[in-house]
Amino acid sequence: MVAAKKNPTHVLSDQDQLEAIAKRIKRAQGQLGAVARMLEEGRNCDEIITQMSAVSKAVNTAAFTLISASLKECIVDNKNNSDAVTEKLQKLFLSLA
């Protein structure tokens, strides 16, 4: 029987970073709700796209912050699987680019 290959993972433990990321996501959630209301109200495309751009930037910034903070922890902690986790996080980073 072949053992399943363990998928390297990392859970961010920096509470300050987690709170900042959660705050940014909640803000993006509110902005996305505003986009839905603007569509329902028949607002003009310029206003809607501007709001959608803000949502996109907020979500991307939260994702990049999560990845960079996780990479920092992996490098500082220097755990046994840090190379595998770092490689996985780098792939996630590139998926956002």
PDB file of N, CA and C in Angstrom:
ATOM      1  N   MET A   1       0.841  -1.166   0.000  1.00  0.00           N
ATOM      2  CA  MET A   1       0.000   0.000   0.000  1.00  0.00           C
ATOM      3  C   MET A   1       0.896   1.241   0.000  1.00  0.00           C
ATOM      4  N   VAL A   2       0.568   2.198  -0.853  1.00  0.00           N
ATOM      5  CA  VAL A   2       1.347   3.419  -0.965  1.00  0.00           C
ATOM      6  C   VAL A   2       0.756   4.472  -0.043  1.00  0.00           C
ATOM      7  N   ALA A   3       1.620   5.074   0.764  1.00  0.00           N
ATOM      8  CA  ALA A   3       1.164   6.124   1.671  1.00  0.00           C
ATOM      9  C   ALA A   3       0.864   7.382   0.871  1.00  0.00           C
ATOM     10  N   ALA A   4      -0.178   8.075   1.259  1.00  0.00           N
ATOM     11  CA  ALA A   4      -0.535   9.319   0.582  1.00  0.00           C
ATOM     12  C   ALA A   4       0.521  10.368   0.885  1.00  0.00           C
ATOM     13  N   LYS A   5       0.901  11.112  -0.136  1.00  0.00           N
ATOM     14  CA  LYS A   5       1.884  12.172   0.032  1.00  0.00           C
ATOM     15  C   LYS A   5       1.239  13.311   0.805  1.00  0.00           C
ATOM     16  N   LYS A   6       1.916  13.716   1.873  1.00  0.00           N
ATOM     17  CA  LYS A   6       1.370  14.798   2.698  1.00  0.00           C
ATOM     18  C   LYS A   6       1.503  16.124   1.956  1.00  0.00           C
ATOM     19  N   ASN A   7       0.408  16.856   1.898  1.00  0.00           N
ATOM     20  CA  ASN A   7       0.368  18.143   1.233  1.00  0.00           C
ATOM     21  C   ASN A   7       0.891  19.201   2.199  1.00  0.00           C
ATOM     22  N   PRO A   8       2.000  19.887   1.865  1.00  0.00           N
ATOM     23  CA  PRO A   8       2.520  20.889   2.788  1.00  0.00           C
ATOM     24  C   PRO A   8       1.560  22.057   2.932  1.00  0.00           C
ATOM     25  N   THR A   9       1.349  22.465   4.166  1.00  0.00           N
ATOM     26  CA  THR A   9       0.444  23.576   4.428  1.00  0.00           C
ATOM     27  C   THR A   9       1.042  24.493   5.482  1.00  0.00           C
ATOM     28  N   HIS A  10       0.472  25.662   5.568  1.00  0.00           N
ATOM     29  CA  HIS A  10       0.867  26.612   6.599  1.00  0.00           C
ATOM     30  C   HIS A  10      -0.368  27.358   7.059  1.00  0.00           C
ATOM     31  N   VAL A  11      -0.488  27.538   8.357  1.00  0.00           N
ATOM     32  CA  VAL A  11      -1.564  28.327   8.943  1.00  0.00           C
ATOM     33  C   VAL A  11      -0.908  29.537   9.593  1.00  0.00           C
ATOM     34  N   LEU A  12      -1.292  30.713   9.143  1.00  0.00           N
ATOM     35  CA  LEU A  12      -0.710  31.938   9.666  1.00  0.00           C
ATOM     36  C   LEU A  12      -1.023  32.073  11.150  1.00  0.00           C
ATOM     37  N   SER A  13       0.000  32.350  11.945  1.00  0.00           N
ATOM     38  CA  SER A  13      -0.207  32.478  13.390  1.00  0.00           C
ATOM     39  C   SER A  13      -0.089  33.919  13.889  1.00  0.00           C
ATOM     40  N   ASP A  14       0.361  34.833  13.038  1.00  0.00           N
ATOM     41  CA  ASP A  14       0.514  36.247  13.422  1.00  0.00           C
ATOM     42  C   ASP A  14      -0.876  36.884  13.547  1.00  0.00           C
ATOM     43  N   GLN A  15      -1.313  37.080  14.776  1.00  0.00           N
ATOM     44  CA  GLN A  15      -2.664  37.591  15.030  1.00  0.00           C
ATOM     45  C   GLN A  15      -2.891  38.992  14.458  1.00  0.00           C
ATOM     46  N   ASP A  16      -1.868  39.838  14.503  1.00  0.00           N
ATOM     47  CA  ASP A  16      -2.008  41.184  13.941  1.00  0.00           C
ATOM     48  C   ASP A  16      -2.264  41.124  12.444  1.00  0.00           C
ATOM     49  N   GLN A  17      -1.515  40.273  11.753  1.00  0.00           N
ATOM     50  CA  GLN A  17      -1.709  40.115  10.309  1.00  0.00           C
ATOM     51  C   GLN A  17      -3.078  39.511  10.008  1.00  0.00           C
ATOM     52  N   LEU A  18      -3.463  38.504  10.790  1.00  0.00           N
ATOM     53  CA  LEU A  18      -4.782  37.881  10.584  1.00  0.00           C
ATOM     54  C   LEU A  18      -5.902  38.904  10.746  1.00  0.00           C
ATOM     55  N   GLU A  19      -5.798  39.751  11.765  1.00  0.00           N
ATOM     56  CA  GLU A  19      -6.821  40.766  11.982  1.00  0.00           C
ATOM     57  C   GLU A  19      -6.850  41.780  10.842  1.00  0.00           C
ATOM     58  N   ALA A  20      -5.676  42.180  10.361  1.00  0.00           N
ATOM     59  CA  ALA A  20      -5.610  43.136   9.250  1.00  0.00           C
ATOM     60  C   ALA A  20      -6.201  42.533   7.978  1.00  0.00           C
ATOM     61  N   ILE A  21      -5.922  41.272   7.729  1.00  0.00           N
ATOM     62  CA  ILE A  21      -6.449  40.595   6.541  1.00  0.00           C
ATOM     63  C   ILE A  21      -7.965  40.457   6.651  1.00  0.00           C
ATOM     64  N   ALA A  22      -8.439  40.036   7.809  1.00  0.00           N
ATOM     65  CA  ALA A  22      -9.886  39.884   8.017  1.00  0.00           C
ATOM     66  C   ALA A  22     -10.601  41.221   7.851  1.00  0.00           C
ATOM     67  N   LYS A  23     -10.008  42.288   8.364  1.00  0.00           N
ATOM     68  CA  LYS A  23     -10.596  43.622   8.236  1.00  0.00           C
ATOM     69  C   LYS A  23     -10.696  44.026   6.767  1.00  0.00           C
ATOM     70  N   ARG A  24      -9.654  43.756   5.999  1.00  0.00           N
ATOM     71  CA  ARG A  24      -9.650  44.095   4.576  1.00  0.00           C
ATOM     72  C   ARG A  24     -10.705  43.284   3.817  1.00  0.00           C
ATOM     73  N   ILE A  25     -10.846  42.018   4.163  1.00  0.00           N
ATOM     74  CA  ILE A  25     -11.847  41.163   3.507  1.00  0.00           C
ATOM     75  C   ILE A  25     -13.260  41.630   3.851  1.00  0.00           C
ATOM     76  N   LYS A  26     -13.482  42.008   5.089  1.00  0.00           N
ATOM     77  CA  LYS A  26     -14.804  42.512   5.486  1.00  0.00           C
ATOM     78  C   LYS A  26     -15.130  43.807   4.751  1.00  0.00           C
ATOM     79  N   ARG A  27     -14.124  44.654   4.565  1.00  0.00           N
ATOM     80  CA  ARG A  27     -14.318  45.889   3.814  1.00  0.00           C
ATOM     81  C   ARG A  27     -14.675  45.560   2.359  1.00  0.00           C
ATOM     82  N   ALA A  28     -13.967  44.597   1.792  1.00  0.00           N
ATOM     83  CA  ALA A  28     -14.248  44.185   0.410  1.00  0.00           C
ATOM     84  C   ALA A  28     -15.652  43.602   0.299  1.00  0.00           C
ATOM     85  N   GLN A  29     -16.068  42.875   1.314  1.00  0.00           N
ATOM     86  CA  GLN A  29     -17.414  42.296   1.327  1.00  0.00           C
ATOM     87  C   GLN A  29     -18.463  43.410   1.296  1.00  0.00           C
ATOM     88  N   GLY A  30     -18.241  44.456   2.053  1.00  0.00           N
ATOM     89  CA  GLY A  30     -19.152  45.595   2.047  1.00  0.00           C
ATOM     90  C   GLY A  30     -19.159  46.304   0.706  1.00  0.00           C
ATOM     91  N   GLN A  31     -17.974  46.444   0.117  1.00  0.00           N
ATOM     92  CA  GLN A  31     -17.881  47.073  -1.201  1.00  0.00           C
ATOM     93  C   GLN A  31     -18.589  46.243  -2.259  1.00  0.00           C
ATOM     94  N   LEU A  32     -18.485  44.930  -2.150  1.00  0.00           N
ATOM     95  CA  LEU A  32     -19.153  44.058  -3.113  1.00  0.00           C
ATOM     96  C   LEU A  32     -20.671  44.171  -2.978  1.00  0.00           C
ATOM     97  N   GLY A  33     -21.154  44.293  -1.748  1.00  0.00           N
ATOM     98  CA  GLY A  33     -22.582  44.529  -1.537  1.00  0.00           C
ATOM     99  C   GLY A  33     -23.026  45.835  -2.174  1.00  0.00           C
ATOM    100  N   ALA A  34     -22.148  46.840  -2.091  1.00  0.00           N
ATOM    101  CA  ALA A  34     -22.458  48.131  -2.719  1.00  0.00           C
ATOM    102  C   ALA A  34     -22.541  47.983  -4.233  1.00  0.00           C
ATOM    103  N   VAL A  35     -21.688  47.159  -4.801  1.00  0.00           N
ATOM    104  CA  VAL A  35     -21.728  46.915  -6.249  1.00  0.00           C
ATOM    105  C   VAL A  35     -23.069  46.303  -6.635  1.00  0.00           C
ATOM    106  N   ALA A  36     -23.522  45.321  -5.871  1.00  0.00           N
ATOM    107  CA  ALA A  36     -24.816  44.684  -6.167  1.00  0.00           C
ATOM    108  C   ALA A  36     -25.949  45.710  -6.100  1.00  0.00           C
ATOM    109  N   ARG A  37     -25.921  46.562  -5.079  1.00  0.00           N
ATOM    110  CA  ARG A  37     -26.961  47.590  -4.965  1.00  0.00           C
ATOM    111  C   ARG A  37     -26.894  48.574  -6.132  1.00  0.00           C
ATOM    112  N   MET A  38     -25.688  48.950  -6.516  1.00  0.00           N
ATOM    113  CA  MET A  38     -25.526  49.891  -7.627  1.00  0.00           C
ATOM    114  C   MET A  38     -26.084  49.299  -8.925  1.00  0.00           C
ATOM    115  N   LEU A  39     -25.866  48.008  -9.136  1.00  0.00           N
ATOM    116  CA  LEU A  39     -26.407  47.347 -10.322  1.00  0.00           C
ATOM    117  C   LEU A  39     -27.933  47.354 -10.282  1.00  0.00           C
ATOM    118  N   GLU A  40     -28.486  47.030  -9.114  1.00  0.00           N
ATOM    119  CA  GLU A  40     -29.940  47.006  -8.961  1.00  0.00           C
ATOM    120  C   GLU A  40     -30.557  48.389  -9.151  1.00  0.00           C
ATOM    121  N   GLU A  41     -29.818  49.423  -8.760  1.00  0.00           N
ATOM    122  CA  GLU A  41     -30.314  50.798  -8.869  1.00  0.00           C
ATOM    123  C   GLU A  41     -30.112  51.384 -10.259  1.00  0.00           C
ATOM    124  N   GLY A  42     -29.405  50.652 -11.114  1.00  0.00           N
ATOM    125  CA  GLY A  42     -29.171  51.149 -12.466  1.00  0.00           C
ATOM    126  C   GLY A  42     -28.144  52.269 -12.533  1.00  0.00           C
ATOM    127  N   ARG A  43     -27.169  52.247 -11.635  1.00  0.00           N
ATOM    128  CA  ARG A  43     -26.127  53.280 -11.624  1.00  0.00           C
ATOM    129  C   ARG A  43     -25.247  53.153 -12.862  1.00  0.00           C
ATOM    130  N   ASN A  44     -24.501  54.209 -13.158  1.00  0.00           N
ATOM    131  CA  ASN A  44     -23.706  54.205 -14.384  1.00  0.00           C
ATOM    132  C   ASN A  44     -22.472  53.307 -14.264  1.00  0.00           C
ATOM    133  N   CYS A  45     -22.006  52.876 -15.412  1.00  0.00           N
ATOM    134  CA  CYS A  45     -20.893  51.916 -15.487  1.00  0.00           C
ATOM    135  C   CYS A  45     -19.626  52.433 -14.823  1.00  0.00           C
ATOM    136  N   ASP A  46     -19.339  53.727 -14.986  1.00  0.00           N
ATOM    137  CA  ASP A  46     -18.120  54.284 -14.394  1.00  0.00           C
ATOM    138  C   ASP A  46     -18.096  54.085 -12.880  1.00  0.00           C
ATOM    139  N   GLU A  47     -19.198  54.390 -12.227  1.00  0.00           N
ATOM    140  CA  GLU A  47     -19.273  54.251 -10.770  1.00  0.00           C
ATOM    141  C   GLU A  47     -19.149  52.785 -10.348  1.00  0.00           C
ATOM    142  N   ILE A  48     -19.818  51.927 -11.084  1.00  0.00           N
ATOM    143  CA  ILE A  48     -19.799  50.496 -10.744  1.00  0.00           C
ATOM    144  C   ILE A  48     -18.399  49.921 -10.928  1.00  0.00           C
ATOM    145  N   ILE A  49     -17.770  50.232 -12.041  1.00  0.00           N
ATOM    146  CA  ILE A  49     -16.430  49.708 -12.304  1.00  0.00           C
ATOM    147  C   ILE A  49     -15.437  50.231 -11.277  1.00  0.00           C
ATOM    148  N   THR A  50     -15.569  51.485 -10.883  1.00  0.00           N
ATOM    149  CA  THR A  50     -14.686  52.048  -9.858  1.00  0.00           C
ATOM    150  C   THR A  50     -14.823  51.264  -8.556  1.00  0.00           C
ATOM    151  N   GLN A  51     -16.063  50.967  -8.186  1.00  0.00           N
ATOM    152  CA  GLN A  51     -16.309  50.196  -6.963  1.00  0.00           C
ATOM    153  C   GLN A  51     -15.789  48.772  -7.108  1.00  0.00           C
ATOM    154  N   MET A  52     -15.990  48.153  -8.270  1.00  0.00           N
ATOM    155  CA  MET A  52     -15.497  46.792  -8.505  1.00  0.00           C
ATOM    156  C   MET A  52     -13.969  46.750  -8.440  1.00  0.00           C
ATOM    157  N   SER A  53     -13.337  47.784  -8.939  1.00  0.00           N
ATOM    158  CA  SER A  53     -11.882  47.874  -8.877  1.00  0.00           C
ATOM    159  C   SER A  53     -11.402  47.922  -7.431  1.00  0.00           C
ATOM    160  N   ALA A  54     -12.119  48.655  -6.599  1.00  0.00           N
ATOM    161  CA  ALA A  54     -11.775  48.736  -5.178  1.00  0.00           C
ATOM    162  C   ALA A  54     -11.909  47.370  -4.504  1.00  0.00           C
ATOM    163  N   VAL A  55     -12.950  46.625  -4.861  1.00  0.00           N
ATOM    164  CA  VAL A  55     -13.154  45.281  -4.317  1.00  0.00           C
ATOM    165  C   VAL A  55     -11.988  44.381  -4.720  1.00  0.00           C
ATOM    166  N   SER A  56     -11.663  44.410  -5.996  1.00  0.00           N
ATOM    167  CA  SER A  56     -10.584  43.578  -6.516  1.00  0.00           C
ATOM    168  C   SER A  56      -9.260  43.889  -5.824  1.00  0.00           C
ATOM    169  N   LYS A  57      -8.952  45.164  -5.679  1.00  0.00           N
ATOM    170  CA  LYS A  57      -7.700  45.566  -5.034  1.00  0.00           C
ATOM    171  C   LYS A  57      -7.674  45.108  -3.578  1.00  0.00           C
ATOM    172  N   ALA A  58      -8.777  45.255  -2.879  1.00  0.00           N
ATOM    173  CA  ALA A  58      -8.831  44.854  -1.474  1.00  0.00           C
ATOM    174  C   ALA A  58      -8.612  43.354  -1.318  1.00  0.00           C
ATOM    175  N   VAL A  59      -9.250  42.558  -2.162  1.00  0.00           N
ATOM    176  CA  VAL A  59      -9.112  41.101  -2.091  1.00  0.00           C
ATOM    177  C   VAL A  59      -7.685  40.681  -2.451  1.00  0.00           C
ATOM    178  N   ASN A  60      -7.143  41.259  -3.512  1.00  0.00           N
ATOM    179  CA  ASN A  60      -5.775  40.917  -3.912  1.00  0.00           C
ATOM    180  C   ASN A  60      -4.762  41.322  -2.850  1.00  0.00           C
ATOM    181  N   THR A  61      -4.943  42.492  -2.263  1.00  0.00           N
ATOM    182  CA  THR A  61      -4.026  42.931  -1.208  1.00  0.00           C
ATOM    183  C   THR A  61      -4.099  41.994  -0.012  1.00  0.00           C
ATOM    184  N   ALA A  62      -5.289  41.554   0.345  1.00  0.00           N
ATOM    185  CA  ALA A  62      -5.442  40.602   1.452  1.00  0.00           C
ATOM    186  C   ALA A  62      -4.731  39.289   1.123  1.00  0.00           C
ATOM    187  N   ALA A  63      -4.875  38.814  -0.101  1.00  0.00           N
ATOM    188  CA  ALA A  63      -4.235  37.560  -0.500  1.00  0.00           C
ATOM    189  C   ALA A  63      -2.717  37.691  -0.488  1.00  0.00           C
ATOM    190  N   PHE A  64      -2.195  38.770  -1.051  1.00  0.00           N
ATOM    191  CA  PHE A  64      -0.749  38.981  -1.055  1.00  0.00           C
ATOM    192  C   PHE A  64      -0.213  39.122   0.370  1.00  0.00           C
ATOM    193  N   THR A  65      -0.951  39.788   1.227  1.00  0.00           N
ATOM    194  CA  THR A  65      -0.534  39.941   2.625  1.00  0.00           C
ATOM    195  C   THR A  65      -0.493  38.589   3.319  1.00  0.00           C
ATOM    196  N   LEU A  66      -1.497  37.761   3.081  1.00  0.00           N
ATOM    197  CA  LEU A  66      -1.538  36.423   3.670  1.00  0.00           C
ATOM    198  C   LEU A  66      -0.343  35.594   3.214  1.00  0.00           C
ATOM    199  N   ILE A  67      -0.061  35.631   1.934  1.00  0.00           N
ATOM    200  CA  ILE A  67       1.056  34.847   1.408  1.00  0.00           C
ATOM    201  C   ILE A  67       2.388  35.369   1.939  1.00  0.00           C
ATOM    202  N   SER A  68       2.591  36.672   1.900  1.00  0.00           N
ATOM    203  CA  SER A  68       3.881  37.217   2.346  1.00  0.00           C
ATOM    204  C   SER A  68       4.107  36.984   3.838  1.00  0.00           C
ATOM    205  N   ALA A  69       3.061  37.142   4.636  1.00  0.00           N
ATOM    206  CA  ALA A  69       3.203  36.893   6.076  1.00  0.00           C
ATOM    207  C   ALA A  69       3.485  35.416   6.342  1.00  0.00           C
ATOM    208  N   SER A  70       2.859  34.541   5.577  1.00  0.00           N
ATOM    209  CA  SER A  70       3.095  33.104   5.722  1.00  0.00           C
ATOM    210  C   SER A  70       4.518  32.745   5.316  1.00  0.00           C
ATOM    211  N   LEU A  71       4.994  33.313   4.209  1.00  0.00           N
ATOM    212  CA  LEU A  71       6.377  33.069   3.798  1.00  0.00           C
ATOM    213  C   LEU A  71       7.352  33.526   4.876  1.00  0.00           C
ATOM    214  N   LYS A  72       7.097  34.679   5.445  1.00  0.00           N
ATOM    215  CA  LYS A  72       7.963  35.204   6.506  1.00  0.00           C
ATOM    216  C   LYS A  72       8.008  34.227   7.678  1.00  0.00           C
ATOM    217  N   GLU A  73       6.838  33.732   8.080  1.00  0.00           N
ATOM    218  CA  GLU A  73       6.809  32.775   9.191  1.00  0.00           C
ATOM    219  C   GLU A  73       7.564  31.500   8.843  1.00  0.00           C
ATOM    220  N   CYS A  74       7.435  31.020   7.627  1.00  0.00           N
ATOM    221  CA  CYS A  74       8.130  29.796   7.223  1.00  0.00           C
ATOM    222  C   CYS A  74       9.640  29.981   7.281  1.00  0.00           C
ATOM    223  N   ILE A  75      10.101  31.142   6.836  1.00  0.00           N
ATOM    224  CA  ILE A  75      11.534  31.404   6.829  1.00  0.00           C
ATOM    225  C   ILE A  75      12.046  31.566   8.260  1.00  0.00           C
ATOM    226  N   VAL A  76      11.313  32.298   9.080  1.00  0.00           N
ATOM    227  CA  VAL A  76      11.736  32.535  10.459  1.00  0.00           C
ATOM    228  C   VAL A  76      11.654  31.255  11.283  1.00  0.00           C
ATOM    229  N   ASP A  77      10.555  30.508  11.134  1.00  0.00           N
ATOM    230  CA  ASP A  77      10.369  29.280  11.912  1.00  0.00           C
ATOM    231  C   ASP A  77      11.322  28.175  11.473  1.00  0.00           C
ATOM    232  N   ASN A  78      11.677  28.162  10.188  1.00  0.00           N
ATOM    233  CA  ASN A  78      12.585  27.165   9.612  1.00  0.00           C
ATOM    234  C   ASN A  78      12.201  25.745  10.020  1.00  0.00           C
ATOM    235  N   LYS A  79      10.948  25.410   9.802  1.00  0.00           N
ATOM    236  CA  LYS A  79      10.450  24.071  10.123  1.00  0.00           C
ATOM    237  C   LYS A  79      10.945  23.070   9.089  1.00  0.00           C
ATOM    238  N   ASN A  80      10.808  21.777   9.398  1.00  0.00           N
ATOM    239  CA  ASN A  80      11.289  20.711   8.520  1.00  0.00           C
ATOM    240  C   ASN A  80      10.713  20.793   7.122  1.00  0.00           C
ATOM    241  N   ASN A  81       9.453  21.129   7.004  1.00  0.00           N
ATOM    242  CA  ASN A  81       8.809  21.164   5.691  1.00  0.00           C
ATOM    243  C   ASN A  81       8.746  22.578   5.123  1.00  0.00           C
ATOM    244  N   SER A  82       9.559  23.501   5.659  1.00  0.00           N
ATOM    245  CA  SER A  82       9.457  24.897   5.226  1.00  0.00           C
ATOM    246  C   SER A  82       9.764  25.074   3.744  1.00  0.00           C
ATOM    247  N   ASP A  83      10.677  24.271   3.191  1.00  0.00           N
ATOM    248  CA  ASP A  83      10.981  24.382   1.759  1.00  0.00           C
ATOM    249  C   ASP A  83       9.758  24.029   0.917  1.00  0.00           C
ATOM    250  N   ALA A  84       9.072  22.961   1.289  1.00  0.00           N
ATOM    251  CA  ALA A  84       7.881  22.539   0.547  1.00  0.00           C
ATOM    252  C   ALA A  84       6.759  23.559   0.698  1.00  0.00           C
ATOM    253  N   VAL A  85       6.588  24.072   1.895  1.00  0.00           N
ATOM    254  CA  VAL A  85       5.546  25.072   2.136  1.00  0.00           C
ATOM    255  C   VAL A  85       5.882  26.354   1.386  1.00  0.00           C
ATOM    256  N   THR A  86       7.146  26.769   1.426  1.00  0.00           N
ATOM    257  CA  THR A  86       7.566  27.968   0.708  1.00  0.00           C
ATOM    258  C   THR A  86       7.294  27.825  -0.782  1.00  0.00           C
ATOM    259  N   GLU A  87       7.598  26.667  -1.335  1.00  0.00           N
ATOM    260  CA  GLU A  87       7.340  26.428  -2.761  1.00  0.00           C
ATOM    261  C   GLU A  87       5.844  26.529  -3.064  1.00  0.00           C
ATOM    262  N   LYS A  88       5.029  25.955  -2.202  1.00  0.00           N
ATOM    263  CA  LYS A  88       3.578  26.013  -2.400  1.00  0.00           C
ATOM    264  C   LYS A  88       3.080  27.455  -2.322  1.00  0.00           C
ATOM    265  N   LEU A  89       3.583  28.223  -1.352  1.00  0.00           N
ATOM    266  CA  LEU A  89       3.167  29.613  -1.203  1.00  0.00           C
ATOM    267  C   LEU A  89       3.610  30.455  -2.394  1.00  0.00           C
ATOM    268  N   GLN A  90       4.782  30.157  -2.927  1.00  0.00           N
ATOM    269  CA  GLN A  90       5.249  30.866  -4.119  1.00  0.00           C
ATOM    270  C   GLN A  90       4.319  30.597  -5.301  1.00  0.00           C
ATOM    271  N   LYS A  91       3.858  29.356  -5.439  1.00  0.00           N
ATOM    272  CA  LYS A  91       2.912  29.023  -6.511  1.00  0.00           C
ATOM    273  C   LYS A  91       1.600  29.784  -6.316  1.00  0.00           C
ATOM    274  N   LEU A  92       1.145  29.878  -5.070  1.00  0.00           N
ATOM    275  CA  LEU A  92      -0.067  30.650  -4.798  1.00  0.00           C
ATOM    276  C   LEU A  92       0.136  32.115  -5.164  1.00  0.00           C
ATOM    277  N   PHE A  93       1.287  32.660  -4.826  1.00  0.00           N
ATOM    278  CA  PHE A  93       1.612  34.035  -5.159  1.00  0.00           C
ATOM    279  C   PHE A  93       1.542  34.251  -6.668  1.00  0.00           C
ATOM    280  N   LEU A  94       2.145  33.341  -7.415  1.00  0.00           N
ATOM    281  CA  LEU A  94       2.143  33.463  -8.877  1.00  0.00           C
ATOM    282  C   LEU A  94       0.739  33.309  -9.448  1.00  0.00           C
ATOM    283  N   SER A  95      -0.122  32.564  -8.775  1.00  0.00           N
ATOM    284  CA  SER A  95      -1.492  32.408  -9.271  1.00  0.00           C
ATOM    285  C   SER A  95      -2.263  33.725  -9.185  1.00  0.00           C
ATOM    286  N   LEU A  96      -1.824  34.626  -8.326  1.00  0.00           N
ATOM    287  CA  LEU A  96      -2.471  35.935  -8.198  1.00  0.00           C
ATOM    288  C   LEU A  96      -1.920  36.965  -9.173  1.00  0.00           C
ATOM    289  N   ALA A  97      -0.718  36.709  -9.656  1.00  0.00           N
ATOM    290  CA  ALA A  97      -0.045  37.686 -10.536  1.00  0.00           C
ATOM    291  C   ALA A  97      -0.657  37.705 -11.921  1.00  0.00           C
TER     292      ALA A  97
END
